[in-house]
């Protein structure tokens, strides 16, 4: 099963939390592992999966499993160069 991972976590109704650039899809087991394991959480931050509450999600690159790096936008697209 895939679950949306809000790159900027936290509770509450912040409007910017629900931007498309702020969401990546992860396997539910992977998501749980990231949330419960400090080393995996650090790797998720390095790859742009988890970002600071204060970061602009369109400005933070996401490293995909194949090594490509993309910047997500709020229209559901991405820009960048694979590899």
PDB file of N, CA and C in Angstrom:
ATOM      1  N   UNK A   1       0.835  -1.169   0.000  1.00  0.00           N
ATOM      2  CA  UNK A   1       0.000   0.000   0.000  1.00  0.00           C
ATOM      3  C   UNK A   1       0.884   1.238   0.000  1.00  0.00           C
ATOM      4  N   UNK A   2       0.485   2.257  -0.750  1.00  0.00           N
ATOM      5  CA  UNK A   2       1.193   3.521  -0.762  1.00  0.00           C
ATOM      6  C   UNK A   2       0.448   4.534   0.088  1.00  0.00           C
ATOM      7  N   UNK A   3       1.210   5.360   0.790  1.00  0.00           N
ATOM      8  CA  UNK A   3       0.615   6.412   1.616  1.00  0.00           C
ATOM      9  C   UNK A   3       1.310   7.726   1.288  1.00  0.00           C
ATOM     10  N   UNK A   4       0.562   8.836   1.367  1.00  0.00           N
ATOM     11  CA  UNK A   4       1.224  10.120   1.137  1.00  0.00           C
ATOM     12  C   UNK A   4       2.074  10.496   2.345  1.00  0.00           C
ATOM     13  N   UNK A   5       3.273  10.944   2.095  1.00  0.00           N
ATOM     14  CA  UNK A   5       4.166  11.433   3.144  1.00  0.00           C
ATOM     15  C   UNK A   5       4.232  12.939   2.991  1.00  0.00           C
ATOM     16  N   UNK A   6       3.727  13.667   3.986  1.00  0.00           N
ATOM     17  CA  UNK A   6       3.856  15.116   3.950  1.00  0.00           C
ATOM     18  C   UNK A   6       5.300  15.455   4.277  1.00  0.00           C
ATOM     19  N   UNK A   7       5.953  16.112   3.342  1.00  0.00           N
ATOM     20  CA  UNK A   7       7.360  16.418   3.536  1.00  0.00           C
ATOM     21  C   UNK A   7       7.547  17.351   4.721  1.00  0.00           C
ATOM     22  N   UNK A   8       6.602  18.232   4.926  1.00  0.00           N
ATOM     23  CA  UNK A   8       6.623  19.095   6.101  1.00  0.00           C
ATOM     24  C   UNK A   8       5.580  18.536   7.053  1.00  0.00           C
ATOM     25  N   UNK A   9       6.011  17.845   8.083  1.00  0.00           N
ATOM     26  CA  UNK A   9       5.075  17.203   8.998  1.00  0.00           C
ATOM     27  C   UNK A   9       4.446  18.169   9.965  1.00  0.00           C
ATOM     28  N   UNK A  10       3.927  17.631  11.003  1.00  0.00           N
ATOM     29  CA  UNK A  10       3.313  18.446  12.034  1.00  0.00           C
ATOM     30  C   UNK A  10       1.801  18.399  11.949  1.00  0.00           C
ATOM     31  N   UNK A  11       1.186  18.722  13.063  1.00  0.00           N
ATOM     32  CA  UNK A  11      -0.267  18.687  13.118  1.00  0.00           C
ATOM     33  C   UNK A  11      -0.816  20.085  12.890  1.00  0.00           C
ATOM     34  N   UNK A  12      -2.077  20.132  12.593  1.00  0.00           N
ATOM     35  CA  UNK A  12      -2.724  21.422  12.429  1.00  0.00           C
ATOM     36  C   UNK A  12      -3.193  21.637  11.007  1.00  0.00           C
ATOM     37  N   UNK A  13      -3.784  22.778  10.773  1.00  0.00           N
ATOM     38  CA  UNK A  13      -4.403  23.066   9.494  1.00  0.00           C
ATOM     39  C   UNK A  13      -3.644  24.063   8.646  1.00  0.00           C
ATOM     40  N   UNK A  14      -2.317  24.030   8.695  1.00  0.00           N
ATOM     41  CA  UNK A  14      -1.549  24.966   7.872  1.00  0.00           C
ATOM     42  C   UNK A  14      -1.910  24.771   6.402  1.00  0.00           C
ATOM     43  N   UNK A  15      -2.210  25.844   5.703  1.00  0.00           N
ATOM     44  CA  UNK A  15      -2.592  25.756   4.296  1.00  0.00           C
ATOM     45  C   UNK A  15      -1.459  25.213   3.433  1.00  0.00           C
ATOM     46  N   UNK A  16      -0.227  25.609   3.706  1.00  0.00           N
ATOM     47  CA  UNK A  16       0.890  25.189   2.844  1.00  0.00           C
ATOM     48  C   UNK A  16       1.237  23.709   2.999  1.00  0.00           C
ATOM     49  N   UNK A  17       0.718  23.051   4.023  1.00  0.00           N
ATOM     50  CA  UNK A  17       0.978  21.616   4.194  1.00  0.00           C
ATOM     51  C   UNK A  17       0.337  20.813   3.064  1.00  0.00           C
ATOM     52  N   UNK A  18      -0.720  21.309   2.483  1.00  0.00           N
ATOM     53  CA  UNK A  18      -1.484  20.566   1.495  1.00  0.00           C
ATOM     54  C   UNK A  18      -1.148  20.956   0.061  1.00  0.00           C
ATOM     55  N   UNK A  19       0.025  21.474  -0.168  1.00  0.00           N
ATOM     56  CA  UNK A  19       0.512  21.760  -1.517  1.00  0.00           C
ATOM     57  C   UNK A  19       1.004  20.457  -2.141  1.00  0.00           C
ATOM     58  N   UNK A  20       0.784  20.274  -3.432  1.00  0.00           N
ATOM     59  CA  UNK A  20       1.249  19.058  -4.107  1.00  0.00           C
ATOM     60  C   UNK A  20       2.760  18.899  -4.019  1.00  0.00           C
ATOM     61  N   UNK A  21       3.496  19.997  -4.007  1.00  0.00           N
ATOM     62  CA  UNK A  21       4.957  19.924  -3.915  1.00  0.00           C
ATOM     63  C   UNK A  21       5.414  19.386  -2.562  1.00  0.00           C
ATOM     64  N   UNK A  22       4.501  19.311  -1.636  1.00  0.00           N
ATOM     65  CA  UNK A  22       4.827  18.890  -0.279  1.00  0.00           C
ATOM     66  C   UNK A  22       4.501  17.420  -0.024  1.00  0.00           C
ATOM     67  N   UNK A  23       4.097  16.677  -1.057  1.00  0.00           N
ATOM     68  CA  UNK A  23       3.664  15.298  -0.861  1.00  0.00           C
ATOM     69  C   UNK A  23       4.464  14.354  -1.755  1.00  0.00           C
ATOM     70  N   UNK A  24       4.981  13.294  -1.169  1.00  0.00           N
ATOM     71  CA  UNK A  24       5.584  12.188  -1.912  1.00  0.00           C
ATOM     72  C   UNK A  24       4.866  10.916  -1.472  1.00  0.00           C
ATOM     73  N   UNK A  25       4.835   9.925  -2.344  1.00  0.00           N
ATOM     74  CA  UNK A  25       4.165   8.655  -2.031  1.00  0.00           C
ATOM     75  C   UNK A  25       5.204   7.616  -1.663  1.00  0.00           C
ATOM     76  N   UNK A  26       4.970   6.958  -0.529  1.00  0.00           N
ATOM     77  CA  UNK A  26       5.880   5.923  -0.041  1.00  0.00           C
ATOM     78  C   UNK A  26       5.086   4.672   0.304  1.00  0.00           C
ATOM     79  N   UNK A  27       5.744   3.548   0.243  1.00  0.00           N
ATOM     80  CA  UNK A  27       5.195   2.305   0.759  1.00  0.00           C
ATOM     81  C   UNK A  27       4.891   2.535   2.245  1.00  0.00           C
ATOM     82  N   UNK A  28       3.754   2.032   2.717  1.00  0.00           N
ATOM     83  CA  UNK A  28       3.376   2.278   4.111  1.00  0.00           C
ATOM     84  C   UNK A  28       4.398   1.709   5.088  1.00  0.00           C
ATOM     85  N   UNK A  29       5.027   0.588   4.758  1.00  0.00           N
ATOM     86  CA  UNK A  29       6.055   0.030   5.640  1.00  0.00           C
ATOM     87  C   UNK A  29       7.282   0.938   5.685  1.00  0.00           C
ATOM     88  N   UNK A  30       7.681   1.458   4.532  1.00  0.00           N
ATOM     89  CA  UNK A  30       8.824   2.378   4.475  1.00  0.00           C
ATOM     90  C   UNK A  30       8.522   3.635   5.274  1.00  0.00           C
ATOM     91  N   UNK A  31       7.324   4.167   5.106  1.00  0.00           N
ATOM     92  CA  UNK A  31       6.930   5.361   5.845  1.00  0.00           C
ATOM     93  C   UNK A  31       7.024   5.110   7.351  1.00  0.00           C
ATOM     94  N   UNK A  32       6.515   3.975   7.804  1.00  0.00           N
ATOM     95  CA  UNK A  32       6.594   3.640   9.227  1.00  0.00           C
ATOM     96  C   UNK A  32       8.023   3.502   9.710  1.00  0.00           C
ATOM     97  N   UNK A  33       8.870   2.889   8.878  1.00  0.00           N
ATOM     98  CA  UNK A  33      10.284   2.746   9.237  1.00  0.00           C
ATOM     99  C   UNK A  33      10.953   4.103   9.376  1.00  0.00           C
ATOM    100  N   UNK A  34      10.664   5.021   8.443  1.00  0.00           N
ATOM    101  CA  UNK A  34      11.253   6.361   8.498  1.00  0.00           C
ATOM    102  C   UNK A  34      10.837   7.078   9.774  1.00  0.00           C
ATOM    103  N   UNK A  35       9.580   6.913  10.148  1.00  0.00           N
ATOM    104  CA  UNK A  35       9.087   7.607  11.335  1.00  0.00           C
ATOM    105  C   UNK A  35       9.606   7.003  12.635  1.00  0.00           C
ATOM    106  N   UNK A  36      10.053   5.753  12.613  1.00  0.00           N
ATOM    107  CA  UNK A  36      10.473   5.107  13.858  1.00  0.00           C
ATOM    108  C   UNK A  36      11.979   4.855  13.964  1.00  0.00           C
ATOM    109  N   UNK A  37      12.738   5.207  12.942  1.00  0.00           N
ATOM    110  CA  UNK A  37      14.168   4.904  12.936  1.00  0.00           C
ATOM    111  C   UNK A  37      14.946   6.182  12.627  1.00  0.00           C
ATOM    112  N   UNK A  38      15.772   6.616  13.556  1.00  0.00           N
ATOM    113  CA  UNK A  38      16.496   7.884  13.409  1.00  0.00           C
ATOM    114  C   UNK A  38      17.436   7.881  12.199  1.00  0.00           C
ATOM    115  N   UNK A  39      18.086   6.751  11.936  1.00  0.00           N
ATOM    116  CA  UNK A  39      18.995   6.685  10.782  1.00  0.00           C
ATOM    117  C   UNK A  39      18.227   6.801   9.461  1.00  0.00           C
ATOM    118  N   UNK A  40      17.093   6.125   9.371  1.00  0.00           N
ATOM    119  CA  UNK A  40      16.281   6.230   8.154  1.00  0.00           C
ATOM    120  C   UNK A  40      15.683   7.627   8.010  1.00  0.00           C
ATOM    121  N   UNK A  41      15.316   8.243   9.124  1.00  0.00           N
ATOM    122  CA  UNK A  41      14.800   9.613   9.075  1.00  0.00           C
ATOM    123  C   UNK A  41      15.873  10.568   8.561  1.00  0.00           C
ATOM    124  N   UNK A  42      17.117  10.377   8.988  1.00  0.00           N
ATOM    125  CA  UNK A  42      18.222  11.213   8.508  1.00  0.00           C
ATOM    126  C   UNK A  42      18.434  11.015   7.008  1.00  0.00           C
ATOM    127  N   UNK A  43      18.342   9.779   6.541  1.00  0.00           N
ATOM    128  CA  UNK A  43      18.474   9.501   5.109  1.00  0.00           C
ATOM    129  C   UNK A  43      17.318  10.123   4.325  1.00  0.00           C
ATOM    130  N   UNK A  44      16.118  10.078   4.888  1.00  0.00           N
ATOM    131  CA  UNK A  44      14.961  10.701   4.238  1.00  0.00           C
ATOM    132  C   UNK A  44      15.154  12.212   4.133  1.00  0.00           C
ATOM    133  N   UNK A  45      15.750  12.818   5.138  1.00  0.00           N
ATOM    134  CA  UNK A  45      16.047  14.258   5.067  1.00  0.00           C
ATOM    135  C   UNK A  45      17.095  14.525   3.992  1.00  0.00           C
ATOM    136  N   UNK A  46      18.124  13.681   3.917  1.00  0.00           N
ATOM    137  CA  UNK A  46      19.177  13.868   2.913  1.00  0.00           C
ATOM    138  C   UNK A  46      18.597  13.776   1.512  1.00  0.00           C
ATOM    139  N   UNK A  47      17.628  12.896   1.318  1.00  0.00           N
ATOM    140  CA  UNK A  47      17.038  12.698  -0.009  1.00  0.00           C
ATOM    141  C   UNK A  47      15.871  13.641  -0.310  1.00  0.00           C
ATOM    142  N   UNK A  48      15.528  14.505   0.629  1.00  0.00           N
ATOM    143  CA  UNK A  48      14.444  15.461   0.392  1.00  0.00           C
ATOM    144  C   UNK A  48      13.061  14.902   0.643  1.00  0.00           C
ATOM    145  N   UNK A  49      12.965  13.738   1.251  1.00  0.00           N
ATOM    146  CA  UNK A  49      11.667  13.151   1.570  1.00  0.00           C
ATOM    147  C   UNK A  49      11.067  13.839   2.788  1.00  0.00           C
ATOM    148  N   UNK A  50      11.888  14.132   3.774  1.00  0.00           N
ATOM    149  CA  UNK A  50      11.474  14.897   4.947  1.00  0.00           C
ATOM    150  C   UNK A  50      12.193  16.238   4.889  1.00  0.00           C
ATOM    151  N   UNK A  51      11.445  17.314   5.081  1.00  0.00           N
ATOM    152  CA  UNK A  51      12.049  18.644   5.056  1.00  0.00           C
ATOM    153  C   UNK A  51      11.560  19.467   6.245  1.00  0.00           C
ATOM    154  N   UNK A  52      12.238  20.554   6.474  1.00  0.00           N
ATOM    155  CA  UNK A  52      11.905  21.462   7.566  1.00  0.00           C
ATOM    156  C   UNK A  52      10.527  22.080   7.361  1.00  0.00           C
ATOM    157  N   UNK A  53       9.865  22.362   8.469  1.00  0.00           N
ATOM    158  CA  UNK A  53       8.583  23.074   8.417  1.00  0.00           C
ATOM    159  C   UNK A  53       8.723  24.429   7.746  1.00  0.00           C
ATOM    160  N   UNK A  54       9.924  24.996   7.783  1.00  0.00           N
ATOM    161  CA  UNK A  54      10.149  26.339   7.257  1.00  0.00           C
ATOM    162  C   UNK A  54      10.646  26.346   5.819  1.00  0.00           C
ATOM    163  N   UNK A  55      10.878  25.170   5.239  1.00  0.00           N
ATOM    164  CA  UNK A  55      11.404  25.076   3.878  1.00  0.00           C
ATOM    165  C   UNK A  55      10.279  25.233   2.856  1.00  0.00           C
ATOM    166  N   UNK A  56      10.624  25.778   1.710  1.00  0.00           N
ATOM    167  CA  UNK A  56       9.700  25.837   0.578  1.00  0.00           C
ATOM    168  C   UNK A  56       9.829  24.509  -0.156  1.00  0.00           C
ATOM    169  N   UNK A  57       8.781  23.682  -0.173  1.00  0.00           N
ATOM    170  CA  UNK A  57       8.924  22.354  -0.777  1.00  0.00           C
ATOM    171  C   UNK A  57       9.260  22.385  -2.267  1.00  0.00           C
ATOM    172  N   UNK A  58       8.956  23.482  -2.963  1.00  0.00           N
ATOM    173  CA  UNK A  58       9.321  23.556  -4.379  1.00  0.00           C
ATOM    174  C   UNK A  58      10.807  23.799  -4.569  1.00  0.00           C
ATOM    175  N   UNK A  59      11.502  24.216  -3.511  1.00  0.00           N
ATOM    176  CA  UNK A  59      12.928  24.535  -3.602  1.00  0.00           C
ATOM    177  C   UNK A  59      13.825  23.404  -3.108  1.00  0.00           C
ATOM    178  N   UNK A  60      13.236  22.327  -2.603  1.00  0.00           N
ATOM    179  CA  UNK A  60      14.008  21.223  -2.052  1.00  0.00           C
ATOM    180  C   UNK A  60      13.959  20.043  -3.030  1.00  0.00           C
ATOM    181  N   UNK A  61      15.100  19.626  -3.564  1.00  0.00           N
ATOM    182  CA  UNK A  61      15.099  18.498  -4.493  1.00  0.00           C
ATOM    183  C   UNK A  61      14.790  17.180  -3.794  1.00  0.00           C
ATOM    184  N   UNK A  62      14.182  16.267  -4.553  1.00  0.00           N
ATOM    185  CA  UNK A  62      13.873  14.927  -4.064  1.00  0.00           C
ATOM    186  C   UNK A  62      14.710  13.941  -4.868  1.00  0.00           C
ATOM    187  N   UNK A  63      15.506  13.134  -4.172  1.00  0.00           N
ATOM    188  CA  UNK A  63      16.287  12.093  -4.835  1.00  0.00           C
ATOM    189  C   UNK A  63      15.453  10.823  -4.907  1.00  0.00           C
ATOM    190  N   UNK A  64      15.203  10.335  -6.109  1.00  0.00           N
ATOM    191  CA  UNK A  64      14.411   9.129  -6.335  1.00  0.00           C
ATOM    192  C   UNK A  64      15.294   7.889  -6.202  1.00  0.00           C
ATOM    193  N   UNK A  65      14.682   6.709  -6.014  1.00  0.00           N
ATOM    194  CA  UNK A  65      15.476   5.484  -5.834  1.00  0.00           C
ATOM    195  C   UNK A  65      16.431   5.190  -6.980  1.00  0.00           C
ATOM    196  N   UNK A  66      16.112   5.643  -8.196  1.00  0.00           N
ATOM    197  CA  UNK A  66      17.000   5.383  -9.336  1.00  0.00           C
ATOM    198  C   UNK A  66      18.161   6.370  -9.419  1.00  0.00           C
ATOM    199  N   UNK A  67      18.244   7.301  -8.454  1.00  0.00           N
ATOM    200  CA  UNK A  67      19.326   8.275  -8.427  1.00  0.00           C
ATOM    201  C   UNK A  67      18.997   9.593  -9.096  1.00  0.00           C
ATOM    202  N   UNK A  68      17.851   9.672  -9.785  1.00  0.00           N
ATOM    203  CA  UNK A  68      17.470  10.931 -10.416  1.00  0.00           C
ATOM    204  C   UNK A  68      17.024  11.921  -9.339  1.00  0.00           C
ATOM    205  N   UNK A  69      17.161  13.196  -9.644  1.00  0.00           N
ATOM    206  CA  UNK A  69      16.807  14.256  -8.700  1.00  0.00           C
ATOM    207  C   UNK A  69      15.815  15.187  -9.383  1.00  0.00           C
ATOM    208  N   UNK A  70      14.713  15.452  -8.686  1.00  0.00           N
ATOM    209  CA  UNK A  70      13.647  16.284  -9.238  1.00  0.00           C
ATOM    210  C   UNK A  70      13.171  17.288  -8.198  1.00  0.00           C
ATOM    211  N   UNK A  71      12.641  18.403  -8.669  1.00  0.00           N
ATOM    212  CA  UNK A  71      11.989  19.400  -7.840  1.00  0.00           C
ATOM    213  C   UNK A  71      10.496  19.299  -8.144  1.00  0.00           C
ATOM    214  N   UNK A  72       9.670  19.125  -7.113  1.00  0.00           N
ATOM    215  CA  UNK A  72       8.234  18.973  -7.281  1.00  0.00           C
ATOM    216  C   UNK A  72       7.579  20.345  -7.382  1.00  0.00           C
ATOM    217  N   UNK A  73       6.463  20.420  -8.139  1.00  0.00           N
ATOM    218  CA  UNK A  73       5.732  21.682  -8.222  1.00  0.00           C
ATOM    219  C   UNK A  73       4.320  21.498  -7.680  1.00  0.00           C
ATOM    220  N   UNK A  74       3.582  22.583  -7.595  1.00  0.00           N
ATOM    221  CA  UNK A  74       2.247  22.538  -7.011  1.00  0.00           C
ATOM    222  C   UNK A  74       1.163  22.169  -8.019  1.00  0.00           C
ATOM    223  N   UNK A  75       1.547  21.825  -9.225  1.00  0.00           N
ATOM    224  CA  UNK A  75       0.595  21.373 -10.231  1.00  0.00           C
ATOM    225  C   UNK A  75       0.648  19.851 -10.392  1.00  0.00           C
ATOM    226  N   UNK A  76       1.440  19.170  -9.580  1.00  0.00           N
ATOM    227  CA  UNK A  76       1.579  17.719  -9.652  1.00  0.00           C
ATOM    228  C   UNK A  76       2.685  17.269 -10.579  1.00  0.00           C
ATOM    229  N   UNK A  77       3.506  18.196 -11.043  1.00  0.00           N
ATOM    230  CA  UNK A  77       4.606  17.862 -11.928  1.00  0.00           C
ATOM    231  C   UNK A  77       5.948  17.944 -11.217  1.00  0.00           C
ATOM    232  N   UNK A  78       6.986  17.751 -12.001  1.00  0.00           N
ATOM    233  CA  UNK A  78       8.335  17.836 -11.465  1.00  0.00           C
ATOM    234  C   UNK A  78       9.245  18.384 -12.552  1.00  0.00           C
ATOM    235  N   UNK A  79      10.325  19.015 -12.111  1.00  0.00           N
ATOM    236  CA  UNK A  79      11.305  19.554 -13.050  1.00  0.00           C
ATOM    237  C   UNK A  79      12.675  19.116 -12.584  1.00  0.00           C
ATOM    238  N   UNK A  80      13.594  19.057 -13.507  1.00  0.00           N
ATOM    239  CA  UNK A  80      14.952  18.667 -13.163  1.00  0.00           C
ATOM    240  C   UNK A  80      15.540  17.758 -14.193  1.00  0.00           C
ATOM    241  N   UNK A  81      16.640  17.176 -13.839  1.00  0.00           N
ATOM    242  CA  UNK A  81      17.377  16.294 -14.743  1.00  0.00           C
ATOM    243  C   UNK A  81      17.491  14.912 -14.120  1.00  0.00           C
ATOM    244  N   UNK A  82      17.075  13.882 -14.841  1.00  0.00           N
ATOM    245  CA  UNK A  82      17.353  12.548 -14.321  1.00  0.00           C
ATOM    246  C   UNK A  82      18.853  12.276 -14.390  1.00  0.00           C
ATOM    247  N   UNK A  83      19.370  11.658 -13.366  1.00  0.00           N
ATOM    248  CA  UNK A  83      20.806  11.322 -13.255  1.00  0.00           C
ATOM    249  C   UNK A  83      21.591  12.572 -13.439  1.00  0.00           C
TER     250      UNK A  83
END
